[in-house]
Protein backbone atom coordinates (compact mmCIF):
# COMPACT_ATOMS: atom_id res chain seq x y z
CA GLN A 1 -0.14 0.16 -0.06
CA VAL A 2 1.38 3.46 -0.95
CA GLN A 3 1.34 6.22 1.69
CA LEU A 4 2.44 9.71 1.01
CA VAL A 5 2.64 11.51 4.59
CA GLU A 6 3.04 15.16 4.69
CA SER A 7 4.12 17.08 7.75
CA GLY A 8 5.80 20.54 8.89
CA GLY A 9 2.77 22.68 7.91
CA GLY A 10 1.84 25.62 10.43
CA LEU A 11 1.21 28.87 11.18
CA VAL A 12 4.31 31.16 9.98
CA GLN A 13 4.62 34.98 9.85
CA PRO A 14 5.13 36.76 6.02
CA GLY A 15 8.99 36.77 5.64
CA GLY A 16 9.35 33.61 7.67
CA PRO A 17 10.62 30.05 6.52
CA LEU A 18 9.27 26.72 6.66
CA ARG A 19 10.15 23.15 5.88
CA LEU A 20 7.64 20.58 4.55
CA SER A 21 8.37 16.97 4.52
CA CYS A 22 6.72 14.12 2.40
CA ALA A 23 7.46 10.83 3.84
CA ALA A 24 6.72 8.01 1.13
CA SER A 25 5.94 4.28 1.81
CA GLY A 26 5.01 1.41 -0.47
CA ILE A 27 6.96 3.07 -3.62
CA ILE A 28 10.69 3.37 -4.38
CA LEU A 29 11.19 7.10 -4.37
CA ARG A 30 14.17 7.49 -6.59
CA LEU A 31 11.84 5.93 -9.79
CA TYR A 32 8.86 8.57 -9.38
CA ALA A 33 8.59 12.21 -10.03
CA MET A 34 8.17 13.78 -6.98
CA SER A 35 6.20 17.29 -6.70
CA TRP A 36 4.51 19.60 -4.31
CA TYR A 37 1.24 21.01 -5.46
CA ARG A 38 -1.04 23.52 -3.23
CA GLN A 39 -4.62 24.60 -3.19
CA GLY A 40 -5.25 27.98 -1.74
CA PRO A 41 -8.94 28.94 -0.81
CA GLY A 42 -11.35 29.46 -3.68
CA LYS A 43 -8.33 28.42 -5.75
CA GLN A 44 -7.54 25.38 -8.09
CA ARG A 45 -4.73 22.94 -7.46
CA GLU A 46 -1.62 24.30 -8.85
CA LEU A 47 2.07 22.71 -9.11
CA VAL A 48 4.58 24.24 -6.96
CA ALA A 49 7.75 22.39 -7.54
CA ARG A 50 8.64 19.12 -9.08
CA SER A 51 11.39 17.02 -8.51
CA SER A 52 12.37 14.37 -11.83
CA SER A 53 13.47 11.03 -11.07
CA GLY A 54 16.48 12.14 -13.00
CA GLY A 55 17.28 14.97 -10.53
CA SER A 56 16.13 17.92 -12.17
CA THR A 57 13.53 20.43 -11.00
CA ASN A 58 11.30 23.13 -11.97
CA TYR A 59 8.98 25.71 -10.09
CA ALA A 60 6.04 27.93 -10.67
CA ASP A 61 7.20 31.50 -11.60
CA SER A 62 5.50 32.60 -8.14
CA VAL A 63 8.12 30.77 -6.21
CA LYS A 64 11.24 30.76 -7.89
CA GLY A 65 14.39 31.87 -5.79
CA ARG A 66 11.97 31.44 -2.69
CA PHE A 67 11.11 27.45 -2.67
CA THR A 68 13.53 24.57 -2.95
CA ILE A 69 12.31 21.11 -3.46
CA SER A 70 14.94 18.34 -2.64
CA ARG A 71 14.71 14.49 -2.15
CA ASP A 72 16.38 12.11 -0.05
CA ASN A 73 15.94 8.80 -1.77
CA ALA A 74 17.64 6.65 1.17
CA LYS A 75 14.87 8.21 3.32
CA ASN A 76 12.34 7.89 0.80
CA THR A 77 11.43 11.69 1.79
CA VAL A 78 10.84 14.57 -0.38
CA TYR A 79 11.38 18.30 1.22
CA LEU A 80 10.26 21.69 0.18
CA GLN A 81 11.96 24.24 1.86
CA MET A 82 9.94 27.49 1.62
CA ASN A 83 11.56 30.94 2.42
CA SER A 84 10.19 34.29 2.48
CA LEU A 85 6.62 33.32 2.61
CA LYS A 86 3.81 35.89 1.60
CA PRO A 87 0.27 35.57 2.53
CA GLU A 88 -0.54 34.48 -1.16
CA ASP A 89 1.32 31.42 -0.31
CA MET A 90 -1.09 30.41 2.27
CA ALA A 91 -3.08 26.87 1.12
CA VAL A 92 -3.04 23.24 1.53
CA TYR A 93 0.20 21.89 0.39
CA TYR A 94 0.04 18.26 -1.28
CA CYS A 95 2.67 15.48 -1.90
CA ASN A 96 2.77 14.19 -5.24
CA ALA A 97 4.75 10.76 -6.69
CA ASN A 98 4.35 10.09 -10.16
CA ARG A 99 5.69 7.36 -12.46
CA SER A 100 3.25 6.91 -15.04
CA PRO A 101 -0.58 7.52 -15.54
CA GLY A 102 -1.46 4.48 -13.38
CA LEU A 103 1.13 5.07 -10.74
CA ASP A 104 0.06 8.55 -9.53
CA TYR A 105 -0.24 9.00 -5.79
CA TRP A 106 -1.31 12.05 -3.23
CA GLY A 107 -0.84 12.62 0.14
CA GLN A 108 -3.47 14.29 2.35
CA GLY A 109 -2.14 17.57 2.57
CA THR A 110 -0.79 19.83 5.10
CA GLN A 111 -2.15 23.27 5.97
CA VAL A 112 0.33 26.32 5.43
CA THR A 113 -0.71 29.62 6.93
CA VAL A 114 0.91 32.63 6.47
CA SER A 115 -0.10 35.47 8.56
CA SER A 116 1.02 38.00 11.20
């Protein structure tokens, strides 16, 4: 059974940092593209950052230079380091593992609230 468990969300002040973690079980992380998505209030889910199985990364324009996705294949864990957080970053953040259309898995999400 595949499980993706996000952690690290919470309340942070504008300008502050936060690091999200996604612990995977039931898959071999290094074989999967790992991504972070987010869904803000009244908004559609959007891609934030992606780490391919080959190691390349890409980011949404809105987070470039502030967010960093990384992975520890030995620990089967992917991270999202978020710096200089803005109120518009507030959302539920979801971890996604994808290898093919039939091998696509989601975590339950973790809430990030940016507020003073």
